[in-house]
Protein backbone atom coordinates (compact mmCIF):
# COMPACT_ATOMS: atom_id res chain seq x y z
CA MET A 1 32.17 -20.58 105.69
CA ARG A 2 35.71 -21.91 105.07
CA GLN A 3 34.23 -25.40 104.76
CA ASN A 4 31.79 -24.17 102.10
CA TYR A 5 34.68 -22.73 100.12
CA LEU A 6 36.44 -26.09 100.39
CA TYR A 7 33.37 -27.89 99.00
CA ILE A 8 33.13 -25.39 96.14
CA GLY A 9 36.83 -25.84 95.35
CA LEU A 10 36.48 -29.61 95.32
CA ALA A 11 33.44 -29.36 93.01
CA ILE A 12 35.37 -27.20 90.55
CA LEU A 13 38.28 -29.65 90.65
CA VAL A 14 35.95 -32.56 89.89
CA LEU A 15 34.46 -30.70 86.93
CA ILE A 16 37.90 -29.97 85.55
CA MET A 17 38.89 -33.63 85.90
CA MET A 18 35.67 -34.71 84.22
CA ALA A 19 36.34 -32.36 81.33
CA GLY A 20 39.80 -33.82 80.97
CA CYS A 21 38.36 -37.32 80.94
CA ASP A 22 35.97 -36.28 78.17
CA ASP A 23 38.92 -35.03 76.06
CA ASP A 24 40.79 -38.28 76.62
CA SER A 25 37.72 -40.32 75.72
CA THR A 26 37.89 -39.06 72.12
CA GLY A 27 40.75 -41.51 71.68
CA MET A 28 42.73 -39.22 69.38
CA THR A 29 46.24 -40.53 68.86
CA GLU A 30 49.14 -39.38 66.76
CA GLY A 31 49.15 -41.20 63.43
CA ASP A 32 51.99 -43.08 61.79
CA ILE A 33 53.82 -40.72 59.42
CA ASN A 34 54.95 -43.74 57.33
CA ASP A 35 51.43 -45.07 56.82
CA ASP A 36 50.64 -45.50 53.09
CA ALA A 37 47.16 -44.07 53.43
CA PHE A 38 48.45 -40.98 55.25
CA LEU A 39 51.17 -40.41 52.67
CA ALA A 40 48.57 -40.53 49.88
CA GLY A 41 46.37 -38.02 51.74
CA LYS A 42 49.34 -35.80 52.53
CA ALA A 43 50.32 -35.76 48.85
CA ASN A 44 46.76 -34.66 48.03
CA ILE A 45 46.98 -31.71 50.42
CA ASP A 46 50.55 -30.72 49.49
CA SER A 47 49.83 -30.79 45.75
CA SER A 48 46.67 -28.73 46.29
CA MET A 49 48.74 -26.09 48.06
CA THR A 50 51.26 -26.07 45.18
CA GLU A 51 48.41 -25.75 42.72
CA SER A 52 46.89 -22.89 44.69
CA ASN A 53 50.20 -21.05 44.45
CA LYS A 54 50.10 -21.46 40.65
CA ASP A 55 46.59 -20.07 40.68
CA MET A 56 47.91 -17.10 42.64
CA ILE A 57 50.54 -16.45 39.96
CA GLU A 58 47.86 -16.66 37.25
CA ALA A 59 45.66 -14.28 39.22
CA ILE A 60 48.48 -11.75 39.58
CA ASP A 61 49.00 -12.03 35.82
CA SER A 62 45.33 -11.11 35.29
CA LEU A 63 45.64 -8.30 37.84
CA PHE A 64 48.27 -6.67 35.66
CA GLY A 65 46.51 -7.39 32.38
CA GLY A 66 48.85 -10.11 31.18
CA GLY A 67 46.09 -12.70 31.15
CA LEU A 68 44.09 -10.68 28.65
CA ALA A 69 47.12 -9.77 26.56
CA LYS A 70 47.95 -13.44 25.96
CA VAL A 71 44.50 -14.39 24.69
CA ALA A 72 44.48 -15.83 21.14
CA GLU A 73 41.94 -17.52 18.88
CA PRO A 74 39.77 -19.44 19.55
CA ASP A 75 39.81 -17.80 22.97
CA SER A 76 37.33 -15.03 23.74
CA VAL A 77 37.18 -12.18 26.23
CA ASP A 78 33.97 -10.46 27.15
CA TYR A 79 33.26 -7.62 29.56
CA ASP A 80 30.08 -7.47 31.63
CA SER A 81 29.61 -3.76 32.27
CA SER A 82 26.81 -4.32 34.81
CA GLU A 83 28.71 -6.73 37.06
CA GLY A 84 32.26 -5.78 36.12
CA TRP A 85 33.41 -9.25 35.04
CA HIS A 86 36.14 -9.81 32.47
CA ILE A 87 35.38 -13.27 31.09
CA ARG A 88 37.87 -15.43 29.22
CA SER A 89 36.67 -18.81 28.03
CA TRP A 90 37.76 -21.52 25.62
CA ILE A 91 37.28 -25.19 24.84
CA ARG A 92 39.39 -27.60 22.81
CA GLU A 93 38.16 -31.04 21.86
CA ASN A 94 39.06 -33.97 19.68
CA ASP A 95 38.29 -37.70 19.66
CA PHE A 96 40.33 -38.33 22.79
CA LEU A 97 40.56 -35.06 24.68
CA SER A 98 38.36 -32.29 26.06
CA HIS A 99 39.78 -29.24 27.83
CA SER A 100 37.72 -26.22 28.82
CA VAL A 101 38.38 -23.08 30.88
CA ILE A 102 36.16 -20.29 32.14
CA ASP A 103 38.32 -17.66 33.82
CA SER A 104 36.57 -14.53 35.13
CA PHE A 105 37.87 -11.61 37.18
CA ARG A 106 36.84 -8.10 38.15
CA PHE A 107 38.20 -5.02 39.93
CA ALA A 108 36.57 -2.75 42.51
CA ASP A 109 37.56 0.37 44.45
CA ALA A 110 37.37 0.69 48.24
CA GLU A 111 33.69 1.69 47.98
CA GLY A 112 32.82 -1.48 46.09
CA ASN A 113 32.38 0.25 42.71
CA TYR A 114 33.39 -2.01 39.82
CA GLN A 115 36.15 -0.81 37.51
CA ARG A 116 36.83 -1.88 33.95
CA HIS A 117 40.57 -1.35 34.37
CA ARG A 118 42.80 -1.53 37.39
CA ASN A 119 44.25 1.76 38.65
CA ASP A 120 45.74 3.25 41.83
CA GLU A 121 42.30 3.22 43.49
CA THR A 122 41.73 -0.50 42.91
CA ASP A 123 41.21 -2.11 46.32
CA GLY A 124 39.49 -5.39 45.44
CA PHE A 125 40.19 -8.14 42.94
CA GLU A 126 37.91 -11.14 42.51
CA ARG A 127 38.58 -14.21 40.39
CA ARG A 128 36.52 -17.26 39.45
CA LEU A 129 38.18 -20.15 37.65
CA LYS A 130 36.64 -23.35 36.30
CA ARG A 131 38.93 -25.75 34.52
CA ASN A 132 37.92 -29.23 33.25
CA PHE A 133 40.14 -31.72 31.49
CA SER A 134 39.42 -35.27 30.31
CA TYR A 135 41.52 -37.65 28.28
CA ASP A 136 40.42 -41.11 27.16
CA PRO A 137 42.56 -42.59 24.35
CA GLY A 138 40.87 -45.99 24.58
CA GLY A 139 42.64 -49.27 24.32
CA GLU A 140 44.19 -51.48 26.97
CA GLY A 141 47.11 -50.05 28.91
CA PHE A 142 46.34 -46.38 28.25
CA THR A 143 45.48 -44.01 31.07
CA THR A 144 42.14 -42.25 31.34
CA TRP A 145 42.35 -38.82 33.03
CA ASP A 146 39.64 -36.59 34.45
CA LYS A 147 40.55 -33.37 36.22
CA SER A 148 38.32 -30.63 37.58
CA ARG A 149 39.38 -27.45 39.40
CA ASN A 150 37.10 -24.69 40.66
CA ARG A 151 38.37 -21.54 42.39
CA ASN A 152 36.44 -18.59 43.81
CA MET A 153 38.86 -16.01 45.24
CA ASN A 154 38.36 -12.48 46.53
CA TRP A 155 41.23 -10.18 47.47
CA GLU A 156 40.56 -7.00 49.45
CA GLY A 157 42.93 -4.29 50.70
CA LEU A 158 45.16 -3.69 47.71
CA THR A 159 45.37 -0.01 48.68
CA ASP A 160 46.65 -0.99 52.16
CA SER A 161 49.87 -2.61 53.30
CA LEU A 162 48.13 -5.96 53.80
CA VAL A 163 45.67 -7.71 51.53
CA SER A 164 43.25 -10.40 52.71
CA LEU A 165 41.97 -13.35 50.71
CA ASP A 166 38.68 -15.19 51.16
CA GLY A 167 37.27 -17.88 48.92
CA ASP A 168 36.81 -21.57 48.27
CA ILE A 169 38.26 -24.28 46.10
CA TYR A 170 37.23 -27.68 44.74
CA ARG A 171 39.62 -30.17 43.19
CA HIS A 172 38.91 -33.63 41.76
CA TYR A 173 41.44 -35.87 39.96
CA TYR A 174 40.79 -39.33 38.56
CA ALA A 175 43.14 -41.66 36.66
CA ASP A 176 42.52 -45.24 35.60
CA ASN A 177 44.41 -47.88 33.60
CA THR A 178 45.10 -51.60 33.78
CA ARG A 179 47.75 -51.14 36.50
CA ARG A 180 46.16 -48.67 38.85
CA LEU A 181 43.21 -46.51 39.79
CA PHE A 182 43.76 -43.18 41.50
CA GLU A 183 41.14 -40.72 42.65
CA HIS A 184 41.26 -37.79 45.00
CA THR A 185 38.94 -34.97 45.94
CA LEU A 186 39.65 -31.88 48.04
CA GLN A 187 37.49 -28.90 48.91
CA GLY A 188 38.23 -26.07 51.31
CA ASP A 189 37.75 -22.47 52.35
CA PHE A 190 40.24 -19.64 52.72
CA GLU A 191 39.38 -17.58 55.81
CA GLU A 192 40.94 -14.11 56.01
CA VAL A 193 44.27 -15.27 54.65
CA VAL A 194 46.68 -12.30 54.76
CA PHE A 195 49.47 -11.36 52.34
CA GLU A 196 51.92 -8.48 52.12
CA THR A 197 50.36 -6.20 49.50
CA GLU A 198 53.79 -5.12 48.26
CA ASP A 199 54.65 -8.72 47.37
CA VAL A 200 51.38 -9.17 45.48
CA LEU A 201 51.66 -5.94 43.52
CA ASP A 202 55.32 -6.52 42.67
CA GLY A 203 54.43 -9.89 41.20
CA ARG A 204 56.83 -11.73 43.47
CA PRO A 205 56.09 -15.19 44.89
CA SER A 206 53.53 -14.36 47.56
CA HIS A 207 53.25 -16.36 50.73
CA ALA A 208 50.41 -16.06 53.22
CA ILE A 209 51.48 -14.74 56.62
CA ASP A 210 48.24 -15.14 58.60
CA GLY A 211 44.81 -16.78 58.42
CA GLN A 212 43.61 -20.35 57.80
CA PHE A 213 42.63 -22.71 55.03
CA THR A 214 40.22 -25.47 56.20
CA GLY A 215 38.60 -28.31 54.32
CA THR A 216 37.99 -31.99 53.68
CA PHE A 217 39.62 -34.53 51.38
CA GLU A 218 39.29 -38.10 50.18
CA THR A 219 41.93 -40.22 48.45
CA ASP A 220 41.68 -43.69 46.88
CA LYS A 221 44.40 -45.76 45.24
CA VAL A 222 43.93 -49.23 43.82
CA LEU A 223 47.12 -51.03 42.77
CA PRO A 224 47.66 -54.67 41.75
CA ASN A 225 48.82 -55.64 45.22
CA ARG A 226 47.04 -53.23 47.57
CA GLU A 227 44.30 -50.69 48.05
CA VAL A 228 44.44 -47.40 49.97
CA HIS A 229 41.55 -45.27 51.19
CA PHE A 230 42.07 -42.16 53.27
CA ALA A 231 39.61 -39.37 54.11
CA GLY A 232 39.56 -36.66 56.71
CA GLU A 233 39.62 -32.97 57.60
CA PHE A 234 42.50 -30.51 57.64
CA THR A 235 43.34 -27.07 58.99
CA ILE A 236 46.22 -25.11 57.50
CA THR A 237 47.40 -22.14 59.58
CA PHE A 238 49.65 -19.56 57.94
CA TYR A 239 52.61 -17.79 59.56
CA PRO A 240 55.18 -15.31 58.20
CA ASP A 241 57.77 -17.99 57.32
CA HIS A 242 55.73 -21.21 57.01
CA TYR A 243 52.34 -22.87 57.24
CA HIS A 244 51.28 -25.61 59.63
CA VAL A 245 49.01 -28.50 58.64
CA HIS A 246 46.81 -30.30 61.16
CA LEU A 247 45.08 -33.33 59.67
CA VAL A 248 42.47 -35.56 61.31
CA SER A 249 41.23 -38.90 60.03
CA GLY A 250 39.16 -41.17 62.20
CA ASP A 251 40.81 -41.39 65.64
CA ASN A 252 44.21 -40.25 64.40
CA TYR A 253 45.84 -36.89 63.74
CA TRP A 254 49.00 -35.71 61.98
CA ASP A 255 50.89 -32.41 62.05
CA TRP A 256 53.59 -31.05 59.77
CA ASP A 257 55.14 -27.73 58.76
CA VAL A 258 56.09 -26.43 55.34
CA TYR A 259 58.60 -23.55 55.30
CA TYR A 260 58.59 -21.02 52.48
CA GLU A 261 61.35 -20.81 49.90
CA TYR A 262 62.37 -17.27 48.96
């Protein structure tokens, strides 16, 4: 009987070793933090996080009615009484530029009933943002710009001490002139990202304290003396005082932390 136990123990040990060999066979190695391609991809992710924070400030402004109060011609605000959406949209165009925004948001109580105006029973706040910008002045040496940003965000728990955020984003930037070409794309999902409700309602800079943001990205740069292409996947994990980024591209990975400024 003791010998049988020995055989079983050896079999388990072999399986564990085989599993370890499988992990090693992936060939994942820590990437060079000074690599040009990585730095371009990192800048894409970092700027997307900064932009998301600006979107958060805009959303809080809408939550308190400021977004509607600032609307001026030729802007328009409509209210969809059946679905609860406040819709602000505008477009400005000339021979060189086109800039359009569709910004929609709505309120709901804890039972999911839509509200025209926020009050003490408002528990949910949902926002959809679509912003497109293009600029093409023509002529040699001038820069052509194309920018697209889509945001779908849903906050729940405003009547509790913690509020959670779910949603997705898409971001595409393109710039081209005689000296360079730059293009990057990022899309990702917020998964139960948690904030202190007090911070959100007080309009203070709000930092996520829990949850994850996961997605994919692609960055291309073409300069007179070199070209850079970098694509991969990322996972951003939020903590009370910082967030941690884990990035994977090909057989390499990178990790870095960003601490909040209060």
